[in-house]
PDB file of N, CA and C in Angstrom:
ATOM      1  N   MET A   1      48.181  87.472  34.230  1.00  0.00           N
ATOM      2  CA  MET A   1      47.405  88.779  34.501  1.00  0.00           C
ATOM      3  C   MET A   1      45.923  88.252  34.823  1.00  0.00           C
ATOM      4  N   THR A   2      45.435  88.599  36.261  1.00  0.00           N
ATOM      5  CA  THR A   2      44.287  88.389  36.892  1.00  0.00           C
ATOM      6  C   THR A   2      43.552  89.394  36.826  1.00  0.00           C
ATOM      7  N   ILE A   3      42.001  88.947  36.638  1.00  0.00           N
ATOM      8  CA  ILE A   3      41.174  89.947  36.333  1.00  0.00           C
ATOM      9  C   ILE A   3      39.898  89.452  36.942  1.00  0.00           C
ATOM     10  N   ARG A   4      39.191  90.245  37.918  1.00  0.00           N
ATOM     11  CA  ARG A   4      38.087  90.059  38.995  1.00  0.00           C
ATOM     12  C   ARG A   4      36.848  90.464  38.297  1.00  0.00           C
ATOM     13  N   ILE A   5      35.942  89.889  37.974  1.00  0.00           N
ATOM     14  CA  ILE A   5      34.405  90.408  37.517  1.00  0.00           C
ATOM     15  C   ILE A   5      33.170  89.919  38.521  1.00  0.00           C
ATOM     16  N   GLU A   6      32.314  90.449  38.594  1.00  0.00           N
ATOM     17  CA  GLU A   6      31.382  89.996  39.457  1.00  0.00           C
ATOM     18  C   GLU A   6      30.113  89.502  38.343  1.00  0.00           C
ATOM     19  N   LEU A   7      29.450  88.541  38.446  1.00  0.00           N
ATOM     20  CA  LEU A   7      28.571  88.002  37.147  1.00  0.00           C
ATOM     21  C   LEU A   7      27.278  87.859  38.241  1.00  0.00           C
ATOM     22  N   ASN A   8      26.176  88.395  37.184  1.00  0.00           N
ATOM     23  CA  ASN A   8      24.994  87.877  37.979  1.00  0.00           C
ATOM     24  C   ASN A   8      24.737  86.647  38.260  1.00  0.00           C
ATOM     25  N   PRO A   9      23.537  86.554  38.734  1.00  0.00           N
ATOM     26  CA  PRO A   9      23.394  84.623  38.896  1.00  0.00           C
ATOM     27  C   PRO A   9      23.044  83.999  37.985  1.00  0.00           C
ATOM     28  N   GLU A  10      22.352  84.499  36.793  1.00  0.00           N
ATOM     29  CA  GLU A  10      21.975  83.797  35.705  1.00  0.00           C
ATOM     30  C   GLU A  10      23.264  83.445  34.857  1.00  0.00           C
ATOM     31  N   ILE A  11      24.083  84.423  34.807  1.00  0.00           N
ATOM     32  CA  ILE A  11      25.499  84.312  34.169  1.00  0.00           C
ATOM     33  C   ILE A  11      26.385  83.517  34.621  1.00  0.00           C
ATOM     34  N   GLU A  12      26.368  83.419  36.065  1.00  0.00           N
ATOM     35  CA  GLU A  12      27.398  82.469  36.595  1.00  0.00           C
ATOM     36  C   GLU A  12      26.716  80.983  36.743  1.00  0.00           C
ATOM     37  N   ALA A  13      25.580  80.796  36.092  1.00  0.00           N
ATOM     38  CA  ALA A  13      24.777  79.557  36.395  1.00  0.00           C
ATOM     39  C   ALA A  13      25.050  79.442  34.829  1.00  0.00           C
ATOM     40  N   GLN A  14      25.141  79.748  33.611  1.00  0.00           N
ATOM     41  CA  GLN A  14      25.499  79.541  32.446  1.00  0.00           C
ATOM     42  C   GLN A  14      26.871  78.885  32.691  1.00  0.00           C
ATOM     43  N   LEU A  15      27.827  80.111  33.076  1.00  0.00           N
ATOM     44  CA  LEU A  15      29.252  79.700  33.145  1.00  0.00           C
ATOM     45  C   LEU A  15      29.282  78.422  33.780  1.00  0.00           C
ATOM     46  N   VAL A  16      28.831  78.372  35.019  1.00  0.00           N
ATOM     47  CA  VAL A  16      29.141  76.739  35.409  1.00  0.00           C
ATOM     48  C   VAL A  16      28.605  75.632  34.561  1.00  0.00           C
ATOM     49  N   ALA A  17      27.399  75.481  34.134  1.00  0.00           N
ATOM     50  CA  ALA A  17      27.080  74.477  33.271  1.00  0.00           C
ATOM     51  C   ALA A  17      27.636  74.328  32.151  1.00  0.00           C
ATOM     52  N   GLY A  18      28.050  75.594  31.865  1.00  0.00           N
ATOM     53  CA  GLY A  18      28.733  75.111  30.126  1.00  0.00           C
ATOM     54  C   GLY A  18      30.320  74.325  30.458  1.00  0.00           C
ATOM     55  N   ALA A  19      30.903  74.927  31.717  1.00  0.00           N
ATOM     56  CA  ALA A  19      32.072  74.717  32.221  1.00  0.00           C
ATOM     57  C   ALA A  19      31.944  72.957  32.924  1.00  0.00           C
ATOM     58  N   GLN A  20      30.806  72.507  33.360  1.00  0.00           N
ATOM     59  CA  GLN A  20      30.722  71.131  33.632  1.00  0.00           C
ATOM     60  C   GLN A  20      30.446  69.965  32.403  1.00  0.00           C
ATOM     61  N   ALA A  21      29.536  70.953  31.576  1.00  0.00           N
ATOM     62  CA  ALA A  21      29.365  70.285  30.283  1.00  0.00           C
ATOM     63  C   ALA A  21      30.546  69.951  29.602  1.00  0.00           C
ATOM     64  N   ARG A  22      31.446  70.462  29.885  1.00  0.00           N
ATOM     65  CA  ARG A  22      32.880  70.522  28.963  1.00  0.00           C
ATOM     66  C   ARG A  22      34.072  69.594  29.999  1.00  0.00           C
ATOM     67  N   GLY A  23      33.969  69.713  31.159  1.00  0.00           N
ATOM     68  CA  GLY A  23      34.599  68.851  32.032  1.00  0.00           C
ATOM     69  C   GLY A  23      35.601  69.929  32.630  1.00  0.00           C
ATOM     70  N   LEU A  24      35.423  71.229  32.160  1.00  0.00           N
ATOM     71  CA  LEU A  24      36.742  72.074  32.768  1.00  0.00           C
ATOM     72  C   LEU A  24      36.214  73.053  33.856  1.00  0.00           C
ATOM     73  N   ALA A  25      37.000  73.338  34.844  1.00  0.00           N
ATOM     74  CA  ALA A  25      36.765  74.448  36.037  1.00  0.00           C
ATOM     75  C   ALA A  25      36.103  75.667  35.436  1.00  0.00           C
ATOM     76  N   PRO A  26      35.116  76.266  35.893  1.00  0.00           N
ATOM     77  CA  PRO A  26      34.722  77.507  35.492  1.00  0.00           C
ATOM     78  C   PRO A  26      35.673  78.557  34.836  1.00  0.00           C
ATOM     79  N   ALA A  27      36.755  78.699  35.572  1.00  0.00           N
ATOM     80  CA  ALA A  27      38.114  79.494  35.176  1.00  0.00           C
ATOM     81  C   ALA A  27      38.393  79.386  33.889  1.00  0.00           C
ATOM     82  N   GLU A  28      38.657  77.934  33.700  1.00  0.00           N
ATOM     83  CA  GLU A  28      39.418  77.390  32.905  1.00  0.00           C
ATOM     84  C   GLU A  28      38.099  77.866  31.624  1.00  0.00           C
ATOM     85  N   TYR A  29      36.799  77.396  31.549  1.00  0.00           N
ATOM     86  CA  TYR A  29      36.079  77.704  30.596  1.00  0.00           C
ATOM     87  C   TYR A  29      35.990  79.228  30.135  1.00  0.00           C
ATOM     88  N   ALA A  30      35.917  79.667  31.180  1.00  0.00           N
ATOM     89  CA  ALA A  30      35.736  81.538  31.445  1.00  0.00           C
ATOM     90  C   ALA A  30      36.786  81.977  30.358  1.00  0.00           C
ATOM     91  N   GLU A  31      38.094  81.485  30.240  1.00  0.00           N
ATOM     92  CA  GLU A  31      39.398  81.917  29.781  1.00  0.00           C
ATOM     93  C   GLU A  31      39.422  81.319  28.346  1.00  0.00           C
ATOM     94  N   ASN A  32      38.631  80.201  28.066  1.00  0.00           N
ATOM     95  CA  ASN A  32      38.443  79.869  26.979  1.00  0.00           C
ATOM     96  C   ASN A  32      37.243  80.500  26.042  1.00  0.00           C
ATOM     97  N   LEU A  33      36.596  81.198  26.429  1.00  0.00           N
ATOM     98  CA  LEU A  33      35.456  81.969  26.118  1.00  0.00           C
ATOM     99  C   LEU A  33      36.034  83.252  25.902  1.00  0.00           C
ATOM    100  N   LEU A  34      36.860  83.854  26.713  1.00  0.00           N
ATOM    101  CA  LEU A  34      37.479  85.205  26.514  1.00  0.00           C
ATOM    102  C   LEU A  34      38.291  84.968  25.341  1.00  0.00           C
ATOM    103  N   ARG A  35      39.326  83.678  25.048  1.00  0.00           N
ATOM    104  CA  ARG A  35      40.033  83.709  24.228  1.00  0.00           C
ATOM    105  C   ARG A  35      39.331  83.669  22.702  1.00  0.00           C
ATOM    106  N   ASP A  36      38.299  82.805  22.682  1.00  0.00           N
ATOM    107  CA  ASP A  36      37.613  82.530  21.093  1.00  0.00           C
ATOM    108  C   ASP A  36      37.235  83.779  20.914  1.00  0.00           C
ATOM    109  N   ALA A  37      36.362  84.717  21.869  1.00  0.00           N
ATOM    110  CA  ALA A  37      35.884  86.116  21.472  1.00  0.00           C
ATOM    111  C   ALA A  37      36.902  86.916  21.170  1.00  0.00           C
ATOM    112  N   ILE A  38      38.290  87.027  21.663  1.00  0.00           N
ATOM    113  CA  ILE A  38      39.122  87.807  21.377  1.00  0.00           C
ATOM    114  C   ILE A  38      39.728  87.697  19.684  1.00  0.00           C
ATOM    115  N   ALA A  39      39.642  86.262  19.579  1.00  0.00           N
ATOM    116  CA  ALA A  39      40.215  85.612  18.245  1.00  0.00           C
ATOM    117  C   ALA A  39      39.260  85.843  17.391  1.00  0.00           C
ATOM    118  N   SER A  40      37.829  85.774  17.543  1.00  0.00           N
ATOM    119  CA  SER A  40      37.096  86.334  16.533  1.00  0.00           C
ATOM    120  C   SER A  40      36.581  87.357  16.250  1.00  0.00           C
ATOM    121  N   HIS A  41      36.908  88.445  17.334  1.00  0.00           N
ATOM    122  CA  HIS A  41      36.892  89.925  17.185  1.00  0.00           C
ATOM    123  C   HIS A  41      38.387  90.492  16.312  1.00  0.00           C
ATOM    124  N   GLY A  42      38.950  89.799  16.448  1.00  0.00           N
ATOM    125  CA  GLY A  42      40.348  90.428  15.587  1.00  0.00           C
ATOM    126  C   GLY A  42      40.041  90.012  14.042  1.00  0.00           C
ATOM    127  N   GLU A  43      39.478  88.749  13.869  1.00  0.00           N
ATOM    128  CA  GLU A  43      39.395  88.486  12.555  1.00  0.00           C
ATOM    129  C   GLU A  43      38.194  89.189  11.831  1.00  0.00           C
ATOM    130  N   SER A  44      37.591  89.725  12.292  1.00  0.00           N
ATOM    131  CA  SER A  44      35.982  90.541  11.974  1.00  0.00           C
ATOM    132  C   SER A  44      36.332  91.975  11.988  1.00  0.00           C
ATOM    133  N   GLN A  45      37.577  92.600  11.266  1.00  0.00           N
ATOM    134  CA  GLN A  45      37.784  93.827  10.883  1.00  0.00           C
ATOM    135  C   GLN A  45      37.107  94.563   9.815  1.00  0.00           C
ATOM    136  N   GLY A  46      36.795  93.521   9.120  1.00  0.00           N
ATOM    137  CA  GLY A  46      35.938  94.613   7.913  1.00  0.00           C
ATOM    138  C   GLY A  46      36.866  94.412   6.824  1.00  0.00           C
ATOM    139  N   ARG A  47      37.928  93.774   7.050  1.00  0.00           N
ATOM    140  CA  ARG A  47      38.860  93.795   5.846  1.00  0.00           C
ATOM    141  C   ARG A  47      38.863  92.235   4.664  1.00  0.00           C
ATOM    142  N   LEU A  48      38.598  92.480   3.814  1.00  0.00           N
ATOM    143  CA  LEU A  48      38.658  91.438   2.750  1.00  0.00           C
ATOM    144  C   LEU A  48      39.828  91.372   1.616  1.00  0.00           C
ATOM    145  N   SER A  49      40.215  90.236   1.456  1.00  0.00           N
ATOM    146  CA  SER A  49      41.177  89.878   0.478  1.00  0.00           C
ATOM    147  C   SER A  49      40.597  90.412  -0.842  1.00  0.00           C
ATOM    148  N   VAL A  50      41.375  90.627  -1.726  1.00  0.00           N
ATOM    149  CA  VAL A  50      40.557  90.948  -3.316  1.00  0.00           C
ATOM    150  C   VAL A  50      39.936  89.687  -3.664  1.00  0.00           C
ATOM    151  N   GLU A  51      40.460  88.305  -3.425  1.00  0.00           N
ATOM    152  CA  GLU A  51      39.547  87.430  -3.904  1.00  0.00           C
ATOM    153  C   GLU A  51      38.259  87.345  -3.034  1.00  0.00           C
ATOM    154  N   GLU A  52      38.185  87.387  -2.165  1.00  0.00           N
ATOM    155  CA  GLU A  52      36.659  87.676  -1.006  1.00  0.00           C
ATOM    156  C   GLU A  52      36.185  88.835  -1.975  1.00  0.00           C
ATOM    157  N   LEU A  53      36.607  90.023  -1.872  1.00  0.00           N
ATOM    158  CA  LEU A  53      36.083  91.064  -2.556  1.00  0.00           C
ATOM    159  C   LEU A  53      35.239  90.424  -3.847  1.00  0.00           C
ATOM    160  N   HIS A  54      35.990  90.136  -4.817  1.00  0.00           N
ATOM    161  CA  HIS A  54      35.681  89.488  -6.128  1.00  0.00           C
ATOM    162  C   HIS A  54      34.290  89.185  -6.122  1.00  0.00           C
ATOM    163  N   ALA A  55      34.640  87.648  -5.069  1.00  0.00           N
ATOM    164  CA  ALA A  55      33.679  86.999  -5.098  1.00  0.00           C
ATOM    165  C   ALA A  55      32.318  87.246  -4.305  1.00  0.00           C
ATOM    166  N   MET A  56      32.522  88.430  -3.275  1.00  0.00           N
ATOM    167  CA  MET A  56      31.336  89.034  -2.797  1.00  0.00           C
ATOM    168  C   MET A  56      30.494  89.758  -3.769  1.00  0.00           C
ATOM    169  N   LEU A  57      31.551  90.440  -4.818  1.00  0.00           N
ATOM    170  CA  LEU A  57      30.777  91.541  -5.844  1.00  0.00           C
ATOM    171  C   LEU A  57      30.410  90.607  -7.144  1.00  0.00           C
ATOM    172  N   ASP A  58      30.931  89.267  -7.251  1.00  0.00           N
ATOM    173  CA  ASP A  58      30.255  88.297  -8.028  1.00  0.00           C
ATOM    174  C   ASP A  58      28.830  87.818  -7.633  1.00  0.00           C
ATOM    175  N   ALA A  59      28.762  87.492  -6.146  1.00  0.00           N
ATOM    176  CA  ALA A  59      27.513  86.970  -5.870  1.00  0.00           C
ATOM    177  C   ALA A  59      26.288  88.270  -5.663  1.00  0.00           C
ATOM    178  N   ILE A  60      26.693  89.301  -5.626  1.00  0.00           N
ATOM    179  CA  ILE A  60      25.511  90.437  -5.521  1.00  0.00           C
ATOM    180  C   ILE A  60      25.003  90.954  -7.244  1.00  0.00           C
ATOM    181  N   ALA A  61      25.996  90.635  -8.199  1.00  0.00           N
ATOM    182  CA  ALA A  61      25.763  90.654  -9.505  1.00  0.00           C
ATOM    183  C   ALA A  61      24.989  89.423 -10.000  1.00  0.00           C
ATOM    184  N   GLU A  62      25.082  88.549  -9.372  1.00  0.00           N
ATOM    185  CA  GLU A  62      24.793  87.249  -9.715  1.00  0.00           C
ATOM    186  C   GLU A  62      23.093  87.296 -10.070  1.00  0.00           C
ATOM    187  N   GLY A  63      22.520  87.267 -11.562  1.00  0.00           N
ATOM    188  CA  GLY A  63      21.415  87.282 -12.071  1.00  0.00           C
ATOM    189  C   GLY A  63      20.996  89.033 -12.647  1.00  0.00           C
ATOM    190  N   SER A  64      22.028  89.630 -12.808  1.00  0.00           N
ATOM    191  CA  SER A  64      21.942  91.007 -13.001  1.00  0.00           C
ATOM    192  C   SER A  64      21.567  91.303 -14.153  1.00  0.00           C
ATOM    193  N   ASP A  65      21.977  90.206 -15.283  1.00  0.00           N
ATOM    194  CA  ASP A  65      21.764  90.011 -16.528  1.00  0.00           C
ATOM    195  C   ASP A  65      20.284  90.287 -16.897  1.00  0.00           C
ATOM    196  N   ASN A  66      19.442  89.837 -15.741  1.00  0.00           N
ATOM    197  CA  ASN A  66      18.060  89.517 -16.071  1.00  0.00           C
ATOM    198  C   ASN A  66      17.350  91.029 -15.908  1.00  0.00           C
ATOM    199  N   LEU A  67      17.857  91.898 -15.383  1.00  0.00           N
ATOM    200  CA  LEU A  67      17.407  93.320 -14.947  1.00  0.00           C
ATOM    201  C   LEU A  67      16.991  94.197 -16.155  1.00  0.00           C
ATOM    202  N   PRO A  68      15.651  94.776 -15.985  1.00  0.00           N
ATOM    203  CA  PRO A  68      15.795  95.652 -17.069  1.00  0.00           C
ATOM    204  C   PRO A  68      16.968  96.839 -17.340  1.00  0.00           C
ATOM    205  N   LYS A  69      17.028  96.942 -19.135  1.00  0.00           N
ATOM    206  CA  LYS A  69      17.699  98.054 -18.855  1.00  0.00           C
ATOM    207  C   LYS A  69      17.394  99.736 -19.111  1.00  0.00           C
ATOM    208  N   LEU A  70      17.418 100.431 -18.016  1.00  0.00           N
ATOM    209  CA  LEU A  70      16.829 101.716 -17.670  1.00  0.00           C
ATOM    210  C   LEU A  70      17.812 103.043 -18.060  1.00  0.00           C
ATOM    211  N   PRO A  71      17.424 103.921 -18.969  1.00  0.00           N
ATOM    212  CA  PRO A  71      18.144 105.165 -19.012  1.00  0.00           C
ATOM    213  C   PRO A  71      18.986 105.521 -17.728  1.00  0.00           C
ATOM    214  N   THR A  72      19.705 106.361 -17.742  1.00  0.00           N
ATOM    215  CA  THR A  72      20.106 107.106 -16.184  1.00  0.00           C
ATOM    216  C   THR A  72      19.060 107.814 -16.011  1.00  0.00           C
ATOM    217  N   MET A  73      18.318 108.793 -16.994  1.00  0.00           N
ATOM    218  CA  MET A  73      17.442 109.688 -17.099  1.00  0.00           C
ATOM    219  C   MET A  73      16.120 109.076 -15.709  1.00  0.00           C
ATOM    220  N   ALA A  74      16.023 107.948 -15.687  1.00  0.00           N
ATOM    221  CA  ALA A  74      14.957 107.171 -14.858  1.00  0.00           C
ATOM    222  C   ALA A  74      15.570 107.517 -13.251  1.00  0.00           C
ATOM    223  N   PHE A  75      16.477 107.738 -13.045  1.00  0.00           N
ATOM    224  CA  PHE A  75      17.080 107.743 -11.947  1.00  0.00           C
ATOM    225  C   PHE A  75      16.931 109.090 -11.201  1.00  0.00           C
ATOM    226  N   THR A  76      16.480 109.937 -11.486  1.00  0.00           N
ATOM    227  CA  THR A  76      16.615 111.400 -10.952  1.00  0.00           C
ATOM    228  C   THR A  76      15.741 111.289  -9.773  1.00  0.00           C
ATOM    229  N   ARG A  77      16.079 112.611  -9.087  1.00  0.00           N
ATOM    230  CA  ARG A  77      15.330 112.465  -7.769  1.00  0.00           C
ATOM    231  C   ARG A  77      13.577 112.979  -7.852  1.00  0.00           C
ATOM    232  N   GLU A  78      13.427 113.317  -9.012  1.00  0.00           N
ATOM    233  CA  GLU A  78      11.869 113.828  -9.324  1.00  0.00           C
ATOM    234  C   GLU A  78      11.339 112.215  -9.314  1.00  0.00           C
ATOM    235  N   SER A  79      11.840 111.236 -10.183  1.00  0.00           N
ATOM    236  CA  SER A  79      11.040 110.176 -10.545  1.00  0.00           C
ATOM    237  C   SER A  79      11.178 109.360  -9.277  1.00  0.00           C
ATOM    238  N   PHE A  80      11.698 109.266  -8.402  1.00  0.00           N
ATOM    239  CA  PHE A  80      11.821 108.762  -7.046  1.00  0.00           C
ATOM    240  C   PHE A  80      10.427 109.215  -6.204  1.00  0.00           C
ATOM    241  N   TYR A  81       9.950 110.540  -6.428  1.00  0.00           N
ATOM    242  CA  TYR A  81       9.034 111.175  -5.733  1.00  0.00           C
ATOM    243  C   TYR A  81       7.972 111.369  -6.575  1.00  0.00           C
ATOM    244  N   GLU A  82       7.794 111.234  -7.566  1.00  0.00           N
ATOM    245  CA  GLU A  82       6.955 111.138  -8.802  1.00  0.00           C
ATOM    246  C   GLU A  82       5.571 110.626  -8.065  1.00  0.00           C
ATOM    247  N   GLY A  83       4.469 111.715  -7.970  1.00  0.00           N
ATOM    248  CA  GLY A  83       2.993 111.080  -7.787  1.00  0.00           C
ATOM    249  C   GLY A  83       3.149 111.267  -6.052  1.00  0.00           C
ATOM    250  N   ARG A  84       3.830 111.997  -5.494  1.00  0.00           N
ATOM    251  CA  ARG A  84       3.801 112.154  -3.821  1.00  0.00           C
ATOM    252  C   ARG A  84       4.010 113.443  -3.641  1.00  0.00           C
ATOM    253  N   LEU A  85       3.424 114.447  -4.496  1.00  0.00           N
ATOM    254  CA  LEU A  85       3.507 115.586  -4.153  1.00  0.00           C
ATOM    255  C   LEU A  85       2.277 116.022  -3.686  1.00  0.00           C
TER     256      LEU A  85
END
């Protein structure tokens, strides 16, 4: 597949510099960038494995044993707006 795009001068200069730094043709470097962007986009679809979910929840809960124990009534709508009327 061939795709034609118009680049502004700044992006073109960055593309050429990046390609030169890697010893690639600008088109080849652009293809690599596009391939990497598509691959990383596919990986980040917000899906976690069960193990990743448990690890994330454990990290969130870390240190929660030191939090004060509060009764459920401490979390009423009125308690959040107390003194703001």
